């Protein structure tokens, strides 16, 4: 089964209904729902997701959305080693560096993000959601 690390921006696209990106995010996460792929996200993503959702929804509704979403993904820890690796990396964006190091530490070889430019220094595959869902099997 294909295992992918999904960046926070794609999760927010899905959960906030951010147009026009939400449609591709829906396709991506439906693959996980149908057990076609396994999606991994970092624990850091949940704080960022909640921050955005609370601008649209009540705290209670945001937490309900997050609880349902959590059933679709596998959560990876961000620990002291992850932070040390991110600090030492040459990524410009620290949050992306944490995400990248989390994926690397967990032996994932593909990151799905809309911010390809932020992962220029990646040594693993970095794909947009569109590229991933439209790829030939």
N, C-alpha and C. Protein backbone atom coordinates (compact mmCIF):
# COMPACT_ATOMS: atom_id res chain seq x y z
N UNK A 1 0.84 -1.18 0.00
CA UNK A 1 0.00 0.00 0.00
C UNK A 1 0.88 1.24 0.00
N UNK A 2 0.51 2.23 -0.78
CA UNK A 2 1.24 3.48 -0.86
C UNK A 2 1.08 4.26 0.44
N UNK A 3 2.21 4.73 0.96
CA UNK A 3 2.20 5.54 2.18
C UNK A 3 2.70 6.93 1.82
N UNK A 4 1.95 7.95 2.25
CA UNK A 4 2.33 9.32 1.94
C UNK A 4 2.22 10.20 3.18
N UNK A 5 3.07 11.19 3.23
CA UNK A 5 3.01 12.21 4.27
C UNK A 5 2.29 13.41 3.66
N UNK A 6 1.24 13.87 4.33
CA UNK A 6 0.46 15.00 3.80
C UNK A 6 0.72 16.23 4.66
N UNK A 7 1.09 17.30 3.99
CA UNK A 7 1.38 18.57 4.65
C UNK A 7 0.08 19.21 5.16
N UNK A 8 0.22 20.06 6.14
CA UNK A 8 -0.93 20.69 6.78
C UNK A 8 -1.82 21.45 5.81
N UNK A 9 -1.22 22.11 4.82
CA UNK A 9 -2.02 22.92 3.90
C UNK A 9 -3.09 22.09 3.19
N UNK A 10 -2.78 20.87 2.84
CA UNK A 10 -3.73 19.99 2.15
C UNK A 10 -4.83 19.55 3.11
N UNK A 11 -4.47 19.30 4.35
CA UNK A 11 -5.47 18.95 5.37
C UNK A 11 -6.45 20.10 5.57
N UNK A 12 -5.92 21.31 5.64
CA UNK A 12 -6.77 22.49 5.83
C UNK A 12 -7.66 22.70 4.61
N UNK A 13 -7.13 22.44 3.42
CA UNK A 13 -7.96 22.54 2.20
C UNK A 13 -9.20 21.68 2.34
N UNK A 14 -9.01 20.46 2.80
CA UNK A 14 -10.12 19.53 2.97
C UNK A 14 -11.08 20.00 4.05
N UNK A 15 -10.56 20.28 5.22
CA UNK A 15 -11.39 20.51 6.39
C UNK A 15 -12.07 21.87 6.42
N UNK A 16 -11.46 22.85 5.77
CA UNK A 16 -12.06 24.19 5.76
C UNK A 16 -12.87 24.43 4.48
N UNK A 17 -12.79 23.48 3.54
CA UNK A 17 -13.49 23.66 2.27
C UNK A 17 -12.87 24.76 1.42
N UNK A 18 -11.55 24.96 1.56
CA UNK A 18 -10.85 26.04 0.85
C UNK A 18 -10.88 25.78 -0.65
N UNK A 19 -11.61 26.61 -1.35
CA UNK A 19 -11.78 26.46 -2.80
C UNK A 19 -10.65 27.11 -3.54
N UNK A 20 -10.21 26.60 -4.65
CA UNK A 20 -10.69 25.41 -5.35
C UNK A 20 -9.96 24.14 -4.93
N UNK A 21 -9.10 24.26 -3.92
CA UNK A 21 -8.21 23.16 -3.55
C UNK A 21 -8.91 22.00 -2.84
N UNK A 22 -10.07 22.27 -2.26
CA UNK A 22 -10.75 21.24 -1.48
C UNK A 22 -11.16 20.03 -2.31
N UNK A 23 -11.45 20.22 -3.58
CA UNK A 23 -11.90 19.09 -4.42
C UNK A 23 -10.82 18.03 -4.55
N UNK A 24 -9.60 18.45 -4.83
CA UNK A 24 -8.50 17.48 -4.95
C UNK A 24 -8.18 16.86 -3.59
N UNK A 25 -8.26 17.66 -2.54
CA UNK A 25 -8.03 17.12 -1.18
C UNK A 25 -9.08 16.07 -0.86
N UNK A 26 -10.31 16.30 -1.27
CA UNK A 26 -11.38 15.31 -1.04
C UNK A 26 -11.06 13.99 -1.75
N UNK A 27 -10.57 14.08 -2.97
CA UNK A 27 -10.20 12.87 -3.72
C UNK A 27 -9.07 12.14 -3.00
N UNK A 28 -8.06 12.90 -2.59
CA UNK A 28 -6.90 12.31 -1.90
C UNK A 28 -7.33 11.58 -0.62
N UNK A 29 -8.10 12.24 0.22
CA UNK A 29 -8.49 11.63 1.48
C UNK A 29 -9.52 10.52 1.30
N UNK A 30 -10.26 10.56 0.20
CA UNK A 30 -11.19 9.45 -0.07
C UNK A 30 -10.41 8.18 -0.41
N UNK A 31 -9.22 8.33 -0.98
CA UNK A 31 -8.37 7.16 -1.23
C UNK A 31 -7.98 6.49 0.09
N UNK A 32 -7.70 7.30 1.09
CA UNK A 32 -7.37 6.74 2.41
C UNK A 32 -8.61 6.10 3.04
N UNK A 33 -9.74 6.74 2.87
CA UNK A 33 -10.98 6.21 3.44
C UNK A 33 -11.33 4.85 2.83
N UNK A 34 -10.94 4.66 1.57
CA UNK A 34 -11.21 3.39 0.88
C UNK A 34 -10.03 2.42 0.98
N UNK A 35 -9.07 2.71 1.86
CA UNK A 35 -7.89 1.87 2.09
C UNK A 35 -7.04 1.65 0.84
N UNK A 36 -6.98 2.65 -0.02
CA UNK A 36 -6.13 2.59 -1.21
C UNK A 36 -4.73 3.13 -0.91
N UNK A 37 -4.66 4.08 0.02
CA UNK A 37 -3.39 4.65 0.45
C UNK A 37 -3.44 4.82 1.96
N UNK A 38 -2.26 5.02 2.54
CA UNK A 38 -2.15 5.30 3.97
C UNK A 38 -1.58 6.70 4.10
N UNK A 39 -2.33 7.57 4.78
CA UNK A 39 -1.90 8.96 4.95
C UNK A 39 -1.34 9.15 6.34
N UNK A 40 -0.18 9.82 6.39
CA UNK A 40 0.47 10.17 7.64
C UNK A 40 0.55 11.69 7.73
N UNK A 41 0.32 12.20 8.93
CA UNK A 41 0.54 13.62 9.19
C UNK A 41 1.24 13.74 10.54
N UNK A 42 1.88 14.87 10.75
CA UNK A 42 2.57 15.07 12.03
C UNK A 42 1.58 15.58 13.07
N UNK A 43 1.93 15.35 14.32
CA UNK A 43 1.11 15.86 15.41
C UNK A 43 1.03 17.38 15.39
N UNK A 44 2.07 18.02 14.87
CA UNK A 44 2.10 19.48 14.73
C UNK A 44 0.92 19.98 13.89
N UNK A 45 0.52 19.22 12.90
CA UNK A 45 -0.55 19.65 12.00
C UNK A 45 -1.86 19.91 12.73
N UNK A 46 -2.13 19.16 13.78
CA UNK A 46 -3.41 19.32 14.47
C UNK A 46 -3.57 20.70 15.09
N UNK A 47 -2.52 21.24 15.65
CA UNK A 47 -2.59 22.59 16.22
C UNK A 47 -2.85 23.62 15.13
N UNK A 48 -2.17 23.47 14.00
CA UNK A 48 -2.36 24.41 12.89
C UNK A 48 -3.77 24.29 12.31
N UNK A 49 -4.25 23.07 12.17
CA UNK A 49 -5.59 22.84 11.65
C UNK A 49 -6.63 23.47 12.57
N UNK A 50 -6.51 23.24 13.87
CA UNK A 50 -7.46 23.79 14.82
C UNK A 50 -7.45 25.32 14.78
N UNK A 51 -6.28 25.90 14.66
CA UNK A 51 -6.16 27.36 14.60
C UNK A 51 -6.98 27.92 13.44
N UNK A 52 -6.87 27.29 12.28
CA UNK A 52 -7.61 27.76 11.10
C UNK A 52 -9.10 27.47 11.24
N UNK A 53 -9.44 26.28 11.68
CA UNK A 53 -10.86 25.92 11.78
C UNK A 53 -11.61 26.80 12.78
N UNK A 54 -10.94 27.22 13.85
CA UNK A 54 -11.60 28.07 14.84
C UNK A 54 -11.94 29.45 14.31
N UNK A 55 -11.35 29.82 13.18
CA UNK A 55 -11.75 31.10 12.55
C UNK A 55 -13.05 30.93 11.77
N UNK A 56 -13.44 29.69 11.50
CA UNK A 56 -14.66 29.39 10.76
C UNK A 56 -15.76 28.81 11.63
N UNK A 57 -15.36 28.06 12.64
CA UNK A 57 -16.31 27.29 13.43
C UNK A 57 -16.10 27.54 14.92
N UNK A 58 -17.05 27.10 15.72
CA UNK A 58 -16.89 27.15 17.17
C UNK A 58 -15.81 26.14 17.58
N UNK A 59 -15.32 26.29 18.79
CA UNK A 59 -14.32 25.35 19.30
C UNK A 59 -14.86 23.93 19.30
N UNK A 60 -16.09 23.77 19.74
CA UNK A 60 -16.70 22.43 19.79
C UNK A 60 -16.79 21.83 18.39
N UNK A 61 -17.26 22.61 17.42
CA UNK A 61 -17.39 22.11 16.05
C UNK A 61 -16.02 21.79 15.45
N UNK A 62 -15.04 22.65 15.72
CA UNK A 62 -13.68 22.41 15.24
C UNK A 62 -13.16 21.08 15.77
N UNK A 63 -13.36 20.82 17.05
CA UNK A 63 -12.88 19.58 17.65
C UNK A 63 -13.62 18.37 17.07
N UNK A 64 -14.89 18.52 16.77
CA UNK A 64 -15.65 17.41 16.16
C UNK A 64 -15.09 17.09 14.77
N UNK A 65 -14.79 18.13 14.01
CA UNK A 65 -14.20 17.95 12.67
C UNK A 65 -12.85 17.24 12.79
N UNK A 66 -12.03 17.70 13.72
CA UNK A 66 -10.70 17.11 13.92
C UNK A 66 -10.81 15.65 14.36
N UNK A 67 -11.74 15.36 15.24
CA UNK A 67 -11.90 13.97 15.71
C UNK A 67 -12.28 13.04 14.56
N UNK A 68 -13.17 13.49 13.70
CA UNK A 68 -13.57 12.69 12.54
C UNK A 68 -12.39 12.54 11.57
N UNK A 69 -11.68 13.64 11.34
CA UNK A 69 -10.53 13.64 10.44
C UNK A 69 -9.45 12.67 10.92
N UNK A 70 -9.24 12.62 12.24
CA UNK A 70 -8.19 11.76 12.81
C UNK A 70 -8.39 10.29 12.44
N UNK A 71 -9.61 9.88 12.16
CA UNK A 71 -9.86 8.49 11.78
C UNK A 71 -9.31 8.16 10.40
N UNK A 72 -9.02 9.18 9.59
CA UNK A 72 -8.51 8.98 8.22
C UNK A 72 -6.99 8.92 8.14
N UNK A 73 -6.32 9.38 9.19
CA UNK A 73 -4.87 9.56 9.11
C UNK A 73 -4.14 8.81 10.21
N UNK A 74 -2.86 8.65 10.02
CA UNK A 74 -1.96 8.10 11.02
C UNK A 74 -1.12 9.26 11.53
N UNK A 75 -1.09 9.44 12.83
CA UNK A 75 -0.43 10.59 13.43
C UNK A 75 0.99 10.22 13.84
N UNK A 76 1.94 11.02 13.38
CA UNK A 76 3.35 10.83 13.71
C UNK A 76 3.78 11.86 14.73
N UNK A 77 4.55 11.44 15.70
CA UNK A 77 5.02 12.34 16.76
C UNK A 77 6.10 13.28 16.26
N UNK A 78 6.05 14.46 16.79
CA UNK A 78 7.15 15.42 16.63
C UNK A 78 7.83 15.46 17.99
N UNK A 79 9.07 14.97 18.03
CA UNK A 79 9.77 14.91 19.30
C UNK A 79 11.02 15.78 19.27
N UNK A 80 11.79 15.68 20.31
CA UNK A 80 13.00 16.49 20.44
C UNK A 80 13.96 16.26 19.27
N UNK A 81 14.11 15.02 18.86
CA UNK A 81 15.00 14.71 17.74
C UNK A 81 14.50 15.36 16.45
N UNK A 82 13.19 15.33 16.22
CA UNK A 82 12.61 15.96 15.03
C UNK A 82 12.94 17.45 15.02
N UNK A 83 12.79 18.08 16.17
CA UNK A 83 13.08 19.52 16.27
C UNK A 83 14.56 19.79 16.05
N UNK A 84 15.43 18.95 16.61
CA UNK A 84 16.87 19.12 16.39
C UNK A 84 17.22 19.02 14.91
N UNK A 85 16.63 18.04 14.23
CA UNK A 85 16.88 17.88 12.79
C UNK A 85 16.36 19.09 12.01
N UNK A 86 15.20 19.59 12.40
CA UNK A 86 14.63 20.75 11.72
C UNK A 86 15.48 22.00 11.93
N UNK A 87 15.99 22.16 13.14
CA UNK A 87 16.87 23.30 13.42
C UNK A 87 18.12 23.25 12.57
N UNK A 88 18.67 22.06 12.40
CA UNK A 88 19.91 21.89 11.65
C UNK A 88 19.70 21.89 10.13
N UNK A 89 18.46 21.78 9.69
CA UNK A 89 18.20 21.72 8.24
C UNK A 89 18.41 23.07 7.59
N UNK A 90 18.49 23.05 6.27
CA UNK A 90 18.65 24.31 5.55
C UNK A 90 17.35 24.75 4.88
N UNK A 91 16.22 24.29 5.40
CA UNK A 91 14.92 24.77 4.94
C UNK A 91 14.71 26.19 5.45
N UNK A 92 14.13 27.04 4.62
CA UNK A 92 13.85 28.42 5.06
C UNK A 92 12.66 28.47 6.01
N UNK A 93 11.63 27.69 5.74
CA UNK A 93 10.42 27.70 6.55
C UNK A 93 10.53 26.63 7.64
N UNK A 94 10.54 27.06 8.90
CA UNK A 94 10.78 26.13 10.00
C UNK A 94 9.66 25.09 10.12
N UNK A 95 8.42 25.51 9.94
CA UNK A 95 7.31 24.55 10.05
C UNK A 95 7.43 23.47 8.98
N UNK A 96 7.77 23.86 7.76
CA UNK A 96 7.98 22.87 6.70
C UNK A 96 9.17 21.97 7.01
N UNK A 97 10.17 22.53 7.63
CA UNK A 97 11.33 21.74 8.02
C UNK A 97 10.94 20.66 9.04
N UNK A 98 10.10 21.03 9.98
CA UNK A 98 9.61 20.05 10.96
C UNK A 98 8.82 18.96 10.26
N UNK A 99 7.94 19.36 9.35
CA UNK A 99 7.12 18.37 8.62
C UNK A 99 8.03 17.42 7.84
N UNK A 100 8.97 17.98 7.14
CA UNK A 100 9.90 17.19 6.32
C UNK A 100 10.71 16.21 7.19
N UNK A 101 11.25 16.71 8.29
CA UNK A 101 12.04 15.85 9.17
C UNK A 101 11.19 14.75 9.79
N UNK A 102 9.96 15.06 10.08
CA UNK A 102 9.04 14.05 10.61
C UNK A 102 8.82 12.94 9.58
N UNK A 103 8.62 13.32 8.34
CA UNK A 103 8.45 12.33 7.26
C UNK A 103 9.71 11.48 7.10
N UNK A 104 10.85 12.12 7.07
CA UNK A 104 12.13 11.41 6.91
C UNK A 104 12.37 10.44 8.06
N UNK A 105 12.15 10.90 9.29
CA UNK A 105 12.36 10.04 10.46
C UNK A 105 11.49 8.79 10.43
N UNK A 106 10.36 8.88 9.75
CA UNK A 106 9.43 7.76 9.70
C UNK A 106 9.50 7.01 8.37
N UNK A 107 10.60 7.21 7.65
CA UNK A 107 10.90 6.49 6.41
C UNK A 107 9.84 6.63 5.33
N UNK A 108 9.19 7.78 5.29
CA UNK A 108 8.23 8.04 4.22
C UNK A 108 8.98 8.66 3.05
N UNK A 109 8.58 8.30 1.85
CA UNK A 109 9.33 8.73 0.67
C UNK A 109 8.57 9.70 -0.22
N UNK A 110 7.36 10.09 0.20
CA UNK A 110 6.56 11.04 -0.59
C UNK A 110 5.86 12.02 0.35
N UNK A 111 6.00 13.30 0.03
CA UNK A 111 5.26 14.36 0.72
C UNK A 111 4.29 14.96 -0.28
N UNK A 112 3.06 15.15 0.17
CA UNK A 112 2.05 15.80 -0.67
C UNK A 112 1.76 17.17 -0.07
N UNK A 113 1.97 18.20 -0.87
CA UNK A 113 1.81 19.58 -0.43
C UNK A 113 1.47 20.46 -1.63
N UNK A 114 0.82 21.58 -1.36
CA UNK A 114 0.64 22.57 -2.42
C UNK A 114 1.83 23.51 -2.47
N UNK A 115 2.68 23.48 -1.47
CA UNK A 115 3.82 24.39 -1.38
C UNK A 115 5.11 23.72 -1.83
N UNK A 116 5.13 23.27 -3.06
CA UNK A 116 6.31 22.57 -3.60
C UNK A 116 7.58 23.40 -3.41
N UNK A 117 7.49 24.70 -3.63
CA UNK A 117 8.67 25.56 -3.56
C UNK A 117 9.33 25.55 -2.17
N UNK A 118 8.53 25.29 -1.14
CA UNK A 118 9.08 25.26 0.21
C UNK A 118 9.88 23.99 0.49
N UNK A 119 9.79 23.02 -0.40
CA UNK A 119 10.48 21.74 -0.22
C UNK A 119 11.56 21.52 -1.28
N UNK A 120 12.11 22.61 -1.80
CA UNK A 120 13.14 22.51 -2.84
C UNK A 120 14.34 21.67 -2.43
N UNK A 121 14.64 21.68 -1.16
CA UNK A 121 15.84 20.98 -0.67
C UNK A 121 15.54 19.55 -0.23
N UNK A 122 14.33 19.09 -0.49
CA UNK A 122 13.95 17.74 -0.09
C UNK A 122 14.70 16.69 -0.89
N UNK A 123 14.98 15.58 -0.24
CA UNK A 123 15.65 14.46 -0.91
C UNK A 123 14.67 13.32 -1.20
N UNK A 124 13.40 13.56 -0.91
CA UNK A 124 12.35 12.59 -1.22
C UNK A 124 11.37 13.24 -2.20
N UNK A 125 10.45 12.44 -2.73
CA UNK A 125 9.47 12.95 -3.68
C UNK A 125 8.55 13.96 -3.01
N UNK A 126 8.31 15.07 -3.70
CA UNK A 126 7.37 16.09 -3.24
C UNK A 126 6.40 16.34 -4.38
N UNK A 127 5.12 16.06 -4.12
CA UNK A 127 4.10 16.16 -5.16
C UNK A 127 2.95 17.05 -4.71
N UNK A 128 2.31 17.69 -5.67
CA UNK A 128 1.07 18.38 -5.35
C UNK A 128 -0.03 17.34 -5.24
N UNK A 129 -1.12 17.67 -4.57
CA UNK A 129 -2.24 16.72 -4.51
C UNK A 129 -2.75 16.36 -5.91
N UNK A 130 -2.78 17.35 -6.80
CA UNK A 130 -3.24 17.10 -8.18
C UNK A 130 -2.36 16.09 -8.89
N UNK A 131 -1.06 16.28 -8.78
CA UNK A 131 -0.12 15.34 -9.42
C UNK A 131 -0.28 13.95 -8.84
N UNK A 132 -0.44 13.86 -7.54
CA UNK A 132 -0.57 12.55 -6.91
C UNK A 132 -1.84 11.84 -7.34
N UNK A 133 -2.98 12.50 -7.29
CA UNK A 133 -4.24 11.81 -7.60
C UNK A 133 -4.40 11.53 -9.09
N UNK A 134 -3.70 12.27 -9.94
CA UNK A 134 -3.80 12.05 -11.37
C UNK A 134 -2.73 11.13 -11.93
N UNK A 135 -1.84 10.66 -11.06
CA UNK A 135 -0.72 9.80 -11.53
C UNK A 135 -1.27 8.47 -12.03
N UNK A 136 -0.63 7.93 -13.03
CA UNK A 136 -1.06 6.59 -13.49
C UNK A 136 -0.69 5.54 -12.44
N UNK A 137 -1.56 4.60 -12.24
CA UNK A 137 -1.33 3.54 -11.24
C UNK A 137 -0.25 2.59 -11.69
